[in-house]
Amino acid sequence: VSDEVNYTKPDTDLAAGISYFMNLTKTSNSVYNAGYMKYRF
């Protein structure tokens, strides 16, 4: 099974940089964990 979480609001949103907090799945049978972020400057 493949699933994803989309984040639209950053946890830190500054002119100098942006960050997101991501909760990794607790599923013991997970075989793929990846995340990305992007923005314009």
Full PDB file with SEQRES, HELIX, SHEET, SSBOND, CRYST1, ORIGX, SCALE, CONECT and MASTER records, all heavy atoms in Angstrom:
SEQRES   1 A   41  VAL SER ASP GLU VAL ASN TYR THR LYS PRO ASP THR ASP          
SEQRES   2 A   41  LEU ALA ALA GLY ILE SER TYR PHE MET ASN LEU THR LYS          
SEQRES   3 A   41  THR SER ASN SER VAL TYR ASN ALA GLY TYR MET LYS TYR          
SEQRES   4 A   41  ARG PHE                                                      
SHEET    1 AA1 2 THR A  12  LEU A  14  0                                        
SHEET    2 AA1 2 GLY A  17  SER A  19 -1                                        
CRYST1    1.000    1.000    1.000  90.00  90.00  90.00 P 1           1          
ORIGX1      1.000000  0.000000  0.000000        0.00000                         
ORIGX2      0.000000  1.000000  0.000000        0.00000                         
ORIGX3      0.000000  0.000000  1.000000        0.00000                         
SCALE1      1.000000  0.000000  0.000000        0.00000                         
SCALE2      0.000000  1.000000  0.000000        0.00000                         
SCALE3      0.000000  0.000000  1.000000        0.00000                         
ATOM      1  N   VAL A   1       0.845  -1.191   0.000  1.00  0.00           N  
ATOM      2  CA  VAL A   1       0.000   0.000   0.000  1.00  0.00           C  
ATOM      3  C   VAL A   1       0.882   1.244   0.000  1.00  0.00           C  
ATOM      4  O   VAL A   1       1.881   1.306   0.728  1.00  0.00           O  
ATOM      5  CB  VAL A   1      -0.927   0.027   1.226  1.00  0.00           C  
ATOM      6  CG1 VAL A   1      -1.750   1.316   1.252  1.00  0.00           C  
ATOM      7  CG2 VAL A   1      -1.844  -1.195   1.221  1.00  0.00           C  
ATOM      8  N   SER A   2       0.534   2.220  -0.813  1.00  0.00           N  
ATOM      9  CA  SER A   2       1.254   3.491  -0.875  1.00  0.00           C  
ATOM     10  C   SER A   2       0.345   4.607  -0.396  1.00  0.00           C  
ATOM     11  O   SER A   2      -0.830   4.670  -0.785  1.00  0.00           O  
ATOM     12  CB  SER A   2       1.725   3.772  -2.302  1.00  0.00           C  
ATOM     13  OG  SER A   2       2.394   5.013  -2.379  1.00  0.00           O  
ATOM     14  N   ASP A   3       0.877   5.475   0.446  1.00  0.00           N  
ATOM     15  CA  ASP A   3       0.079   6.585   0.964  1.00  0.00           C  
ATOM     16  C   ASP A   3       0.969   7.819   1.107  1.00  0.00           C  
ATOM     17  O   ASP A   3       2.204   7.713   1.071  1.00  0.00           O  
ATOM     18  CB  ASP A   3      -0.532   6.214   2.311  1.00  0.00           C  
ATOM     19  CG  ASP A   3      -1.794   7.031   2.613  1.00  0.00           C  
ATOM     20  OD1 ASP A   3      -2.086   7.976   1.851  1.00  0.00           O  
ATOM     21  OD2 ASP A   3      -2.459   6.740   3.619  1.00  0.00           O  
ATOM     22  N   GLU A   4       0.362   8.977   1.271  1.00  0.00           N  
ATOM     23  CA  GLU A   4       1.136  10.207   1.408  1.00  0.00           C  
ATOM     24  C   GLU A   4       0.386  11.209   2.270  1.00  0.00           C  
ATOM     25  O   GLU A   4      -0.837  11.136   2.427  1.00  0.00           O  
ATOM     26  CB  GLU A   4       1.451  10.822   0.052  1.00  0.00           C  
ATOM     27  CG  GLU A   4       0.245  11.297  -0.733  1.00  0.00           C  
ATOM     28  CD  GLU A   4       0.614  11.842  -2.097  1.00  0.00           C  
ATOM     29  OE1 GLU A   4       1.508  11.262  -2.763  1.00  0.00           O  
ATOM     30  OE2 GLU A   4       0.005  12.857  -2.507  1.00  0.00           O  
ATOM     31  N   VAL A   5       1.153  12.143   2.833  1.00  0.00           N  
ATOM     32  CA  VAL A   5       0.610  13.237   3.624  1.00  0.00           C  
ATOM     33  C   VAL A   5       1.061  14.532   2.963  1.00  0.00           C  
ATOM     34  O   VAL A   5       2.259  14.738   2.749  1.00  0.00           O  
ATOM     35  CB  VAL A   5       1.094  13.197   5.089  1.00  0.00           C  
ATOM     36  CG1 VAL A   5       0.500  14.352   5.872  1.00  0.00           C  
ATOM     37  CG2 VAL A   5       0.734  11.863   5.735  1.00  0.00           C  
ATOM     38  N   ASN A   6       0.107  15.396   2.630  1.00  0.00           N  
ATOM     39  CA  ASN A   6       0.429  16.673   2.001  1.00  0.00           C  
ATOM     40  C   ASN A   6       0.375  17.791   3.038  1.00  0.00           C  
ATOM     41  O   ASN A   6      -0.595  17.909   3.779  1.00  0.00           O  
ATOM     42  CB  ASN A   6      -0.562  16.970   0.876  1.00  0.00           C  
ATOM     43  CG  ASN A   6      -0.393  16.033  -0.297  1.00  0.00           C  
ATOM     44  OD1 ASN A   6       0.395  16.281  -1.201  1.00  0.00           O  
ATOM     45  ND2 ASN A   6      -1.140  14.935  -0.288  1.00  0.00           N  
ATOM     46  N   TYR A   7       1.420  18.608   3.068  1.00  0.00           N  
ATOM     47  CA  TYR A   7       1.513  19.715   4.012  1.00  0.00           C  
ATOM     48  C   TYR A   7       1.423  21.032   3.229  1.00  0.00           C  
ATOM     49  O   TYR A   7       2.182  21.254   2.287  1.00  0.00           O  
ATOM     50  CB  TYR A   7       2.824  19.677   4.781  1.00  0.00           C  
ATOM     51  CG  TYR A   7       3.058  18.401   5.556  1.00  0.00           C  
ATOM     52  CD1 TYR A   7       3.660  17.298   4.949  1.00  0.00           C  
ATOM     53  CD2 TYR A   7       2.689  18.289   6.891  1.00  0.00           C  
ATOM     54  CE1 TYR A   7       3.884  16.124   5.655  1.00  0.00           C  
ATOM     55  CE2 TYR A   7       2.910  17.120   7.606  1.00  0.00           C  
ATOM     56  CZ  TYR A   7       3.506  16.045   6.979  1.00  0.00           C  
ATOM     57  OH  TYR A   7       3.724  14.877   7.673  1.00  0.00           O  
ATOM     58  N   THR A   8       0.497  21.872   3.620  1.00  0.00           N  
ATOM     59  CA  THR A   8       0.350  23.165   2.951  1.00  0.00           C  
ATOM     60  C   THR A   8       0.818  24.326   3.828  1.00  0.00           C  
ATOM     61  O   THR A   8       1.146  25.392   3.312  1.00  0.00           O  
ATOM     62  CB  THR A   8      -1.120  23.407   2.555  1.00  0.00           C  
ATOM     63  OG1 THR A   8      -1.938  23.296   3.727  1.00  0.00           O  
ATOM     64  CG2 THR A   8      -1.576  22.370   1.533  1.00  0.00           C  
ATOM     65  N   LYS A   9       0.858  24.102   5.136  1.00  0.00           N  
ATOM     66  CA  LYS A   9       1.275  25.159   6.052  1.00  0.00           C  
ATOM     67  C   LYS A   9       2.579  24.777   6.728  1.00  0.00           C  
ATOM     68  O   LYS A   9       2.646  23.777   7.448  1.00  0.00           O  
ATOM     69  CB  LYS A   9       0.198  25.414   7.111  1.00  0.00           C  
ATOM     70  CG  LYS A   9       0.539  26.564   8.052  1.00  0.00           C  
ATOM     71  CD  LYS A   9      -0.569  26.788   9.063  1.00  0.00           C  
ATOM     72  CE  LYS A   9      -0.223  27.933  10.009  1.00  0.00           C  
ATOM     73  NZ  LYS A   9      -1.285  28.156  11.014  1.00  0.00           N  
ATOM     74  N   PRO A  10       3.654  25.537   6.513  1.00  0.00           N  
ATOM     75  CA  PRO A  10       4.935  25.202   7.141  1.00  0.00           C  
ATOM     76  C   PRO A  10       4.910  25.445   8.650  1.00  0.00           C  
ATOM     77  O   PRO A  10       4.125  26.254   9.146  1.00  0.00           O  
ATOM     78  CB  PRO A  10       5.926  26.139   6.447  1.00  0.00           C  
ATOM     79  CG  PRO A  10       5.094  27.295   6.000  1.00  0.00           C  
ATOM     80  CD  PRO A  10       3.741  26.738   5.663  1.00  0.00           C  
ATOM     81  N   ASP A  11       5.780  24.752   9.371  1.00  0.00           N  
ATOM     82  CA  ASP A  11       5.883  24.940  10.820  1.00  0.00           C  
ATOM     83  C   ASP A  11       6.791  26.113  11.167  1.00  0.00           C  
ATOM     84  O   ASP A  11       6.645  26.734  12.212  1.00  0.00           O  
ATOM     85  CB  ASP A  11       6.403  23.655  11.471  1.00  0.00           C  
ATOM     86  CG  ASP A  11       5.387  22.528  11.360  1.00  0.00           C  
ATOM     87  OD1 ASP A  11       4.475  22.476  12.190  1.00  0.00           O  
ATOM     88  OD2 ASP A  11       5.506  21.716  10.423  1.00  0.00           O  
ATOM     89  N   THR A  12       7.741  26.389  10.297  1.00  0.00           N  
ATOM     90  CA  THR A  12       8.570  27.590  10.407  1.00  0.00           C  
ATOM     91  C   THR A  12       8.528  28.293   9.068  1.00  0.00           C  
ATOM     92  O   THR A  12       8.836  27.685   8.041  1.00  0.00           O  
ATOM     93  CB  THR A  12      10.030  27.256  10.761  1.00  0.00           C  
ATOM     94  OG1 THR A  12      10.076  26.405  11.902  1.00  0.00           O  
ATOM     95  CG2 THR A  12      10.819  28.526  11.046  1.00  0.00           C  
ATOM     96  N   ASP A  13       8.123  29.552   9.043  1.00  0.00           N  
ATOM     97  CA  ASP A  13       7.939  30.273   7.792  1.00  0.00           C  
ATOM     98  C   ASP A  13       8.587  31.647   7.921  1.00  0.00           C  
ATOM     99  O   ASP A  13       7.969  32.613   8.371  1.00  0.00           O  
ATOM    100  CB  ASP A  13       6.453  30.401   7.480  1.00  0.00           C  
ATOM    101  CG  ASP A  13       6.192  30.859   6.052  1.00  0.00           C  
ATOM    102  OD1 ASP A  13       7.167  31.132   5.335  1.00  0.00           O  
ATOM    103  OD2 ASP A  13       5.014  30.943   5.660  1.00  0.00           O  
ATOM    104  N   LEU A  14       9.851  31.727   7.514  1.00  0.00           N  
ATOM    105  CA  LEU A  14      10.624  32.957   7.647  1.00  0.00           C  
ATOM    106  C   LEU A  14      11.230  33.342   6.305  1.00  0.00           C  
ATOM    107  O   LEU A  14      11.336  32.513   5.396  1.00  0.00           O  
ATOM    108  CB  LEU A  14      11.741  32.779   8.684  1.00  0.00           C  
ATOM    109  CG  LEU A  14      11.312  32.386  10.103  1.00  0.00           C  
ATOM    110  CD1 LEU A  14      12.537  32.051  10.941  1.00  0.00           C  
ATOM    111  CD2 LEU A  14      10.505  33.504  10.745  1.00  0.00           C  
ATOM    112  N   ALA A  15      11.661  34.582   6.191  1.00  0.00           N  
ATOM    113  CA  ALA A  15      12.334  35.016   4.974  1.00  0.00           C  
ATOM    114  C   ALA A  15      13.631  34.252   4.765  1.00  0.00           C  
ATOM    115  O   ALA A  15      14.027  33.960   3.632  1.00  0.00           O  
ATOM    116  CB  ALA A  15      12.614  36.517   5.039  1.00  0.00           C  
ATOM    117  N   ALA A  16      14.299  33.877   5.877  1.00  0.00           N  
ATOM    118  CA  ALA A  16      15.589  33.185   5.800  1.00  0.00           C  
ATOM    119  C   ALA A  16      15.457  31.698   5.533  1.00  0.00           C  
ATOM    120  O   ALA A  16      16.451  31.035   5.192  1.00  0.00           O  
ATOM    121  CB  ALA A  16      16.362  33.402   7.098  1.00  0.00           C  
ATOM    122  N   GLY A  17      14.255  31.152   5.696  1.00  0.00           N  
ATOM    123  CA  GLY A  17      14.093  29.727   5.466  1.00  0.00           C  
ATOM    124  C   GLY A  17      12.751  29.205   5.935  1.00  0.00           C  
ATOM    125  O   GLY A  17      11.996  29.893   6.649  1.00  0.00           O  
ATOM    126  N   ILE A  18      12.437  27.985   5.536  1.00  0.00           N  
ATOM    127  CA  ILE A  18      11.158  27.349   5.832  1.00  0.00           C  
ATOM    128  C   ILE A  18      11.401  25.913   6.267  1.00  0.00           C  
ATOM    129  O   ILE A  18      12.337  25.256   5.794  1.00  0.00           O  
ATOM    130  CB  ILE A  18      10.231  27.395   4.597  1.00  0.00           C  
ATOM    131  CG1 ILE A  18       9.847  28.854   4.282  1.00  0.00           C  
ATOM    132  CG2 ILE A  18       8.985  26.552   4.786  1.00  0.00           C  
ATOM    133  CD1 ILE A  18       9.048  29.018   3.001  1.00  0.00           C  
ATOM    134  N   SER A  19      10.560  25.416   7.175  1.00  0.00           N  
ATOM    135  CA  SER A  19      10.694  24.027   7.621  1.00  0.00           C  
ATOM    136  C   SER A  19       9.323  23.390   7.804  1.00  0.00           C  
ATOM    137  O   SER A  19       8.318  24.079   8.025  1.00  0.00           O  
ATOM    138  CB  SER A  19      11.483  23.942   8.930  1.00  0.00           C  
ATOM    139  OG  SER A  19      10.714  24.426  10.017  1.00  0.00           O  
ATOM    140  N   TYR A  20       9.313  22.059   7.721  1.00  0.00           N  
ATOM    141  CA  TYR A  20       8.116  21.256   7.956  1.00  0.00           C  
ATOM    142  C   TYR A  20       8.458  20.124   8.919  1.00  0.00           C  
ATOM    143  O   TYR A  20       9.546  19.540   8.839  1.00  0.00           O  
ATOM    144  CB  TYR A  20       7.597  20.652   6.646  1.00  0.00           C  
ATOM    145  CG  TYR A  20       6.927  21.630   5.721  1.00  0.00           C  
ATOM    146  CD1 TYR A  20       7.673  22.381   4.815  1.00  0.00           C  
ATOM    147  CD2 TYR A  20       5.550  21.799   5.733  1.00  0.00           C  
ATOM    148  CE1 TYR A  20       7.057  23.276   3.943  1.00  0.00           C  
ATOM    149  CE2 TYR A  20       4.927  22.688   4.870  1.00  0.00           C  
ATOM    150  CZ  TYR A  20       5.680  23.418   3.981  1.00  0.00           C  
ATOM    151  OH  TYR A  20       5.074  24.310   3.122  1.00  0.00           O  
ATOM    152  N   PHE A  21       7.512  19.809   9.807  1.00  0.00           N  
ATOM    153  CA  PHE A  21       7.650  18.646  10.666  1.00  0.00           C  
ATOM    154  C   PHE A  21       6.811  17.521  10.071  1.00  0.00           C  
ATOM    155  O   PHE A  21       5.658  17.723   9.671  1.00  0.00           O  
ATOM    156  CB  PHE A  21       7.171  18.949  12.086  1.00  0.00           C  
ATOM    157  CG  PHE A  21       7.953  20.047  12.757  1.00  0.00           C  
ATOM    158  CD1 PHE A  21       7.329  20.949  13.605  1.00  0.00           C  
ATOM    159  CD2 PHE A  21       9.318  20.189  12.532  1.00  0.00           C  
ATOM    160  CE1 PHE A  21       8.046  21.968  14.223  1.00  0.00           C  
ATOM    161  CE2 PHE A  21      10.043  21.207  13.139  1.00  0.00           C  
ATOM    162  CZ  PHE A  21       9.410  22.094  13.992  1.00  0.00           C  
ATOM    163  N   MET A  22       7.401  16.325  10.023  1.00  0.00           N  
ATOM    164  CA  MET A  22       6.733  15.179   9.421  1.00  0.00           C  
ATOM    165  C   MET A  22       6.773  14.003  10.384  1.00  0.00           C  
ATOM    166  O   MET A  22       7.846  13.618  10.861  1.00  0.00           O  
ATOM    167  CB  MET A  22       7.417  14.796   8.104  1.00  0.00           C  
ATOM    168  CG  MET A  22       7.430  15.890   7.055  1.00  0.00           C  
ATOM    169  SD  MET A  22       8.211  15.366   5.509  1.00  0.00           S  
ATOM    170  CE  MET A  22       8.039  16.862   4.517  1.00  0.00           C  
ATOM    171  N   ASN A  23       5.614  13.437  10.662  1.00  0.00           N  
ATOM    172  CA  ASN A  23       5.518  12.273  11.524  1.00  0.00           C  
ATOM    173  C   ASN A  23       5.699  11.007  10.689  1.00  0.00           C  
ATOM    174  O   ASN A  23       4.854  10.696   9.846  1.00  0.00           O  
ATOM    175  CB  ASN A  23       4.170  12.240  12.238  1.00  0.00           C  
ATOM    176  CG  ASN A  23       4.039  13.334  13.281  1.00  0.00           C  
ATOM    177  OD1 ASN A  23       4.844  13.431  14.196  1.00  0.00           O  
ATOM    178  ND2 ASN A  23       3.026  14.173  13.139  1.00  0.00           N  
ATOM    179  N   LEU A  24       6.790  10.295  10.926  1.00  0.00           N  
ATOM    180  CA  LEU A  24       7.007   9.051  10.192  1.00  0.00           C  
ATOM    181  C   LEU A  24       5.975   8.015  10.614  1.00  0.00           C  
ATOM    182  O   LEU A  24       5.576   7.942  11.774  1.00  0.00           O  
ATOM    183  CB  LEU A  24       8.417   8.516  10.452  1.00  0.00           C  
ATOM    184  CG  LEU A  24       9.590   9.399  10.018  1.00  0.00           C  
ATOM    185  CD1 LEU A  24      10.894   8.598  10.069  1.00  0.00           C  
ATOM    186  CD2 LEU A  24       9.390   9.976   8.629  1.00  0.00           C  
ATOM    187  N   THR A  25       5.557   7.210   9.659  1.00  0.00           N  
ATOM    188  CA  THR A  25       4.560   6.196   9.950  1.00  0.00           C  
ATOM    189  C   THR A  25       5.075   5.203  10.992  1.00  0.00           C  
ATOM    190  O   THR A  25       6.253   4.827  10.987  1.00  0.00           O  
ATOM    191  CB  THR A  25       4.157   5.433   8.671  1.00  0.00           C  
ATOM    192  OG1 THR A  25       3.223   4.413   9.019  1.00  0.00           O  
ATOM    193  CG2 THR A  25       5.361   4.793   8.002  1.00  0.00           C  
ATOM    194  N   LYS A  26       4.188   4.784  11.867  1.00  0.00           N  
ATOM    195  CA  LYS A  26       4.545   3.809  12.894  1.00  0.00           C  
ATOM    196  C   LYS A  26       4.410   2.375  12.386  1.00  0.00           C  
ATOM    197  O   LYS A  26       4.725   1.421  13.094  1.00  0.00           O  
ATOM    198  CB  LYS A  26       3.639   3.981  14.115  1.00  0.00           C  
ATOM    199  CG  LYS A  26       3.660   5.380  14.723  1.00  0.00           C  
ATOM    200  CD  LYS A  26       4.975   5.696  15.389  1.00  0.00           C  
ATOM    201  CE  LYS A  26       4.925   7.051  16.090  1.00  0.00           C  
ATOM    202  NZ  LYS A  26       6.205   7.407  16.723  1.00  0.00           N  
ATOM    203  N   THR A  27       3.948   2.228  11.145  1.00  0.00           N  
ATOM    204  CA  THR A  27       3.725   0.904  10.585  1.00  0.00           C  
ATOM    205  C   THR A  27       5.030   0.119  10.538  1.00  0.00           C  
ATOM    206  O   THR A  27       6.007   0.547   9.923  1.00  0.00           O  
ATOM    207  CB  THR A  27       3.145   1.005   9.166  1.00  0.00           C  
ATOM    208  OG1 THR A  27       1.977   1.828   9.202  1.00  0.00           O  
ATOM    209  CG2 THR A  27       2.786  -0.360   8.620  1.00  0.00           C  
ATOM    210  N   SER A  28       5.040  -1.034  11.198  1.00  0.00           N  
ATOM    211  CA  SER A  28       6.271  -1.818  11.286  1.00  0.00           C  
ATOM    212  C   SER A  28       6.670  -2.434   9.954  1.00  0.00           C  
ATOM    213  O   SER A  28       7.845  -2.744   9.733  1.00  0.00           O  
ATOM    214  CB  SER A  28       6.109  -2.930  12.331  1.00  0.00           C  
ATOM    215  OG  SER A  28       5.024  -3.783  11.980  1.00  0.00           O  
ATOM    216  N   ASN A  29       5.694  -2.609   9.048  1.00  0.00           N  
ATOM    217  CA  ASN A  29       5.980  -3.234   7.760  1.00  0.00           C  
ATOM    218  C   ASN A  29       6.268  -2.214   6.662  1.00  0.00           C  
ATOM    219  O   ASN A  29       6.155  -2.534   5.489  1.00  0.00           O  
ATOM    220  CB  ASN A  29       4.804  -4.123   7.333  1.00  0.00           C  
ATOM    221  CG  ASN A  29       4.623  -5.319   8.245  1.00  0.00           C  
ATOM    222  OD1 ASN A  29       5.587  -5.840   8.796  1.00  0.00           O  
ATOM    223  ND2 ASN A  29       3.382  -5.758   8.408  1.00  0.00           N  
ATOM    224  N   SER A  30       6.612  -0.981   7.033  1.00  0.00           N  
ATOM    225  CA  SER A  30       6.901   0.038   6.021  1.00  0.00           C  
ATOM    226  C   SER A  30       8.207  -0.284   5.308  1.00  0.00           C  
ATOM    227  O   SER A  30       9.187  -0.710   5.918  1.00  0.00           O  
ATOM    228  CB  SER A  30       6.973   1.425   6.655  1.00  0.00           C  
ATOM    229  OG  SER A  30       8.069   1.523   7.535  1.00  0.00           O  
ATOM    230  N   VAL A  31       8.211  -0.087   4.009  1.00  0.00           N  
ATOM    231  CA  VAL A  31       9.386  -0.390   3.193  1.00  0.00           C  
ATOM    232  C   VAL A  31       9.882   0.833   2.438  1.00  0.00           C  
ATOM    233  O   VAL A  31      10.871   0.759   1.717  1.00  0.00           O  
ATOM    234  CB  VAL A  31       9.079  -1.520   2.186  1.00  0.00           C  
ATOM    235  CG1 VAL A  31       8.815  -2.830   2.919  1.00  0.00           C  
ATOM    236  CG2 VAL A  31       7.885  -1.156   1.297  1.00  0.00           C  
ATOM    237  N   TYR A  32       9.191   1.968   2.612  1.00  0.00           N  
ATOM    238  CA  TYR A  32       9.587   3.183   1.896  1.00  0.00           C  
ATOM    239  C   TYR A  32       9.172   4.382   2.717  1.00  0.00           C  
ATOM    240  O   TYR A  32       8.015   4.512   3.127  1.00  0.00           O  
ATOM    241  CB  TYR A  32       8.905   3.217   0.519  1.00  0.00           C  
ATOM    242  CG  TYR A  32       9.340   4.350  -0.381  1.00  0.00           C  
ATOM    243  CD1 TYR A  32      10.501   4.249  -1.139  1.00  0.00           C  
ATOM    244  CD2 TYR A  32       8.586   5.517  -0.491  1.00  0.00           C  
ATOM    245  CE1 TYR A  32      10.903   5.277  -1.982  1.00  0.00           C  
ATOM    246  CE2 TYR A  32       8.971   6.550  -1.324  1.00  0.00           C  
ATOM    247  CZ  TYR A  32      10.130   6.423  -2.074  1.00  0.00           C  
ATOM    248  OH  TYR A  32      10.528   7.453  -2.903  1.00  0.00           O  
ATOM    249  N   ASN A  33      10.138   5.262   3.003  1.00  0.00           N  
ATOM    250  CA  ASN A  33       9.882   6.493   3.750  1.00  0.00           C  
ATOM    251  C   ASN A  33      10.664   7.624   3.096  1.00  0.00           C  
ATOM    252  O   ASN A  33      11.897   7.594   3.067  1.00  0.00           O  
ATOM    253  CB  ASN A  33      10.317   6.342   5.209  1.00  0.00           C  
ATOM    254  CG  ASN A  33       9.406   5.449   6.012  1.00  0.00           C  
ATOM    255  OD1 ASN A  33       8.426   5.890   6.593  1.00  0.00           O  
ATOM    256  ND2 ASN A  33       9.731   4.152   6.046  1.00  0.00           N  
ATOM    257  N   ALA A  34       9.949   8.610   2.571  1.00  0.00           N  
ATOM    258  CA  ALA A  34      10.604   9.732   1.898  1.00  0.00           C  
ATOM    259  C   ALA A  34       9.727  10.970   2.009  1.00  0.00           C  
ATOM    260  O   ALA A  34       8.512  10.879   2.148  1.00  0.00           O  
ATOM    261  CB  ALA A  34      10.874   9.406   0.425  1.00  0.00           C  
ATOM    262  N   GLY A  35      10.353  12.134   1.944  1.00  0.00           N  
ATOM    263  CA  GLY A  35       9.609  13.380   1.999  1.00  0.00           C  
ATOM    264  C   GLY A  35      10.351  14.486   1.280  1.00  0.00           C  
ATOM    265  O   GLY A  35      11.585  14.468   1.201  1.00  0.00           O  
ATOM    266  N   TYR A  36       9.611  15.433   0.742  1.00  0.00           N  
ATOM    267  CA  TYR A  36      10.259  16.564   0.081  1.00  0.00           C  
ATOM    268  C   TYR A  36       9.518  17.851   0.410  1.00  0.00           C  
ATOM    269  O   TYR A  36       8.352  17.848   0.814  1.00  0.00           O  
ATOM    270  CB  TYR A  36      10.329  16.360  -1.432  1.00  0.00           C  
ATOM    271  CG  TYR A  36       9.016  16.468  -2.176  1.00  0.00           C  
ATOM    272  CD1 TYR A  36       8.531  17.701  -2.633  1.00  0.00           C  
ATOM    273  CD2 TYR A  36       8.254  15.333  -2.456  1.00  0.00           C  
ATOM    274  CE1 TYR A  36       7.333  17.800  -3.328  1.00  0.00           C  
ATOM    275  CE2 TYR A  36       7.059  15.422  -3.152  1.00  0.00           C  
ATOM    276  CZ  TYR A  36       6.601  16.649  -3.588  1.00  0.00           C  
ATOM    277  OH  TYR A  36       5.409  16.749  -4.277  1.00  0.00           O  
ATOM    278  N   MET A  37      10.210  18.966   0.238  1.00  0.00           N  
ATOM    279  CA  MET A  37       9.632  20.290   0.382  1.00  0.00           C  
ATOM    280  C   MET A  37      10.220  21.199  -0.678  1.00  0.00           C  
ATOM    281  O   MET A  37      11.303  20.943  -1.214  1.00  0.00           O  
ATOM    282  CB  MET A  37       9.902  20.872   1.777  1.00  0.00           C  
ATOM    283  CG  MET A  37      11.370  21.101   2.097  1.00  0.00           C  
ATOM    284  SD  MET A  37      11.631  22.049   3.618  1.00  0.00           S  
ATOM    285  CE  MET A  37      11.026  23.677   3.110  1.00  0.00           C  
ATOM    286  N   LYS A  38       9.493  22.272  -0.986  1.00  0.00           N  
ATOM    287  CA  LYS A  38       9.970  23.213  -1.995  1.00  0.00           C  
ATOM    288  C   LYS A  38       9.336  24.579  -1.762  1.00  0.00           C  
ATOM    289  O   LYS A  38       8.289  24.689  -1.124  1.00  0.00           O  
ATOM    290  CB  LYS A  38       9.625  22.720  -3.404  1.00  0.00           C  
ATOM    291  CG  LYS A  38       8.132  22.655  -3.693  1.00  0.00           C  
ATOM    292  CD  LYS A  38       7.884  22.167  -5.095  1.00  0.00           C  
ATOM    293  CE  LYS A  38       6.403  22.203  -5.446  1.00  0.00           C  
ATOM    294  NZ  LYS A  38       5.845  23.577  -5.481  1.00  0.00           N  
ATOM    295  N   TYR A  39       9.994  25.615  -2.268  1.00  0.00           N  
ATOM    296  CA  TYR A  39       9.404  26.950  -2.267  1.00  0.00           C  
ATOM    297  C   TYR A  39      10.168  27.850  -3.226  1.00  0.00           C  
ATOM    298  O   TYR A  39      11.244  27.491  -3.728  1.00  0.00           O  
ATOM    299  CB  TYR A  39       9.363  27.549  -0.857  1.00  0.00           C  
ATOM    300  CG  TYR A  39      10.686  27.801  -0.162  1.00  0.00           C  
ATOM    301  CD1 TYR A  39      11.406  28.973  -0.353  1.00  0.00           C  
ATOM    302  CD2 TYR A  39      11.199  26.867   0.750  1.00  0.00           C  
ATOM    303  CE1 TYR A  39      12.598  29.220   0.310  1.00  0.00           C  
ATOM    304  CE2 TYR A  39      12.384  27.094   1.421  1.00  0.00           C  
ATOM    305  CZ  TYR A  39      13.087  28.278   1.200  1.00  0.00           C  
ATOM    306  OH  TYR A  39      14.278  28.505   1.869  1.00  0.00           O  
ATOM    307  N   ARG A  40       9.600  29.007  -3.487  1.00  0.00           N  
ATOM    308  CA  ARG A  40      10.227  30.004  -4.364  1.00  0.00           C  
ATOM    309  C   ARG A  40      10.937  31.062  -3.516  1.00  0.00           C  
ATOM    310  O   ARG A  40      10.571  31.296  -2.362  1.00  0.00           O  
ATOM    311  CB  ARG A  40       9.183  30.679  -5.246  1.00  0.00           C  
ATOM    312  CG  ARG A  40       8.526  29.759  -6.269  1.00  0.00           C  
ATOM    313  CD  ARG A  40       9.519  29.263  -7.297  1.00  0.00           C  
ATOM    314  NE  ARG A  40       8.882  28.498  -8.358  1.00  0.00           N  
ATOM    315  CZ  ARG A  40       8.562  29.004  -9.544  1.00  0.00           C  
ATOM    316  NH1 ARG A  40       8.801  30.291  -9.811  1.00  0.00           N  
ATOM    317  NH2 ARG A  40       8.004  28.246 -10.470  1.00  0.00           N  
ATOM    318  N   PHE A  41      11.924  31.715  -4.112  1.00  0.00           N  
ATOM    319  CA  PHE A  41      12.645  32.779  -3.419  1.00  0.00           C  
ATOM    320  C   PHE A  41      12.946  33.910  -4.387  1.00  0.00           C  
ATOM    321  O   PHE A  41      12.837  33.766  -5.615  1.00  0.00           O  
ATOM    322  CB  PHE A  41      13.938  32.249  -2.798  1.00  0.00           C  
ATOM    323  CG  PHE A  41      15.005  31.875  -3.802  1.00  0.00           C  
ATOM    324  CD1 PHE A  41      15.928  32.808  -4.258  1.00  0.00           C  
ATOM    325  CD2 PHE A  41      15.075  30.577  -4.301  1.00  0.00           C  
ATOM    326  CE1 PHE A  41      16.916  32.468  -5.174  1.00  0.00           C  
ATOM    327  CE2 PHE A  41      16.050  30.220  -5.221  1.00  0.00           C  
ATOM    328  CZ  PHE A  41      16.969  31.160  -5.665  1.00  0.00           C  
TER     329      PHE A  41                                                      
MASTER        0    0    0    0    2    0    0    6  328    1    0    4          
END                                                                             
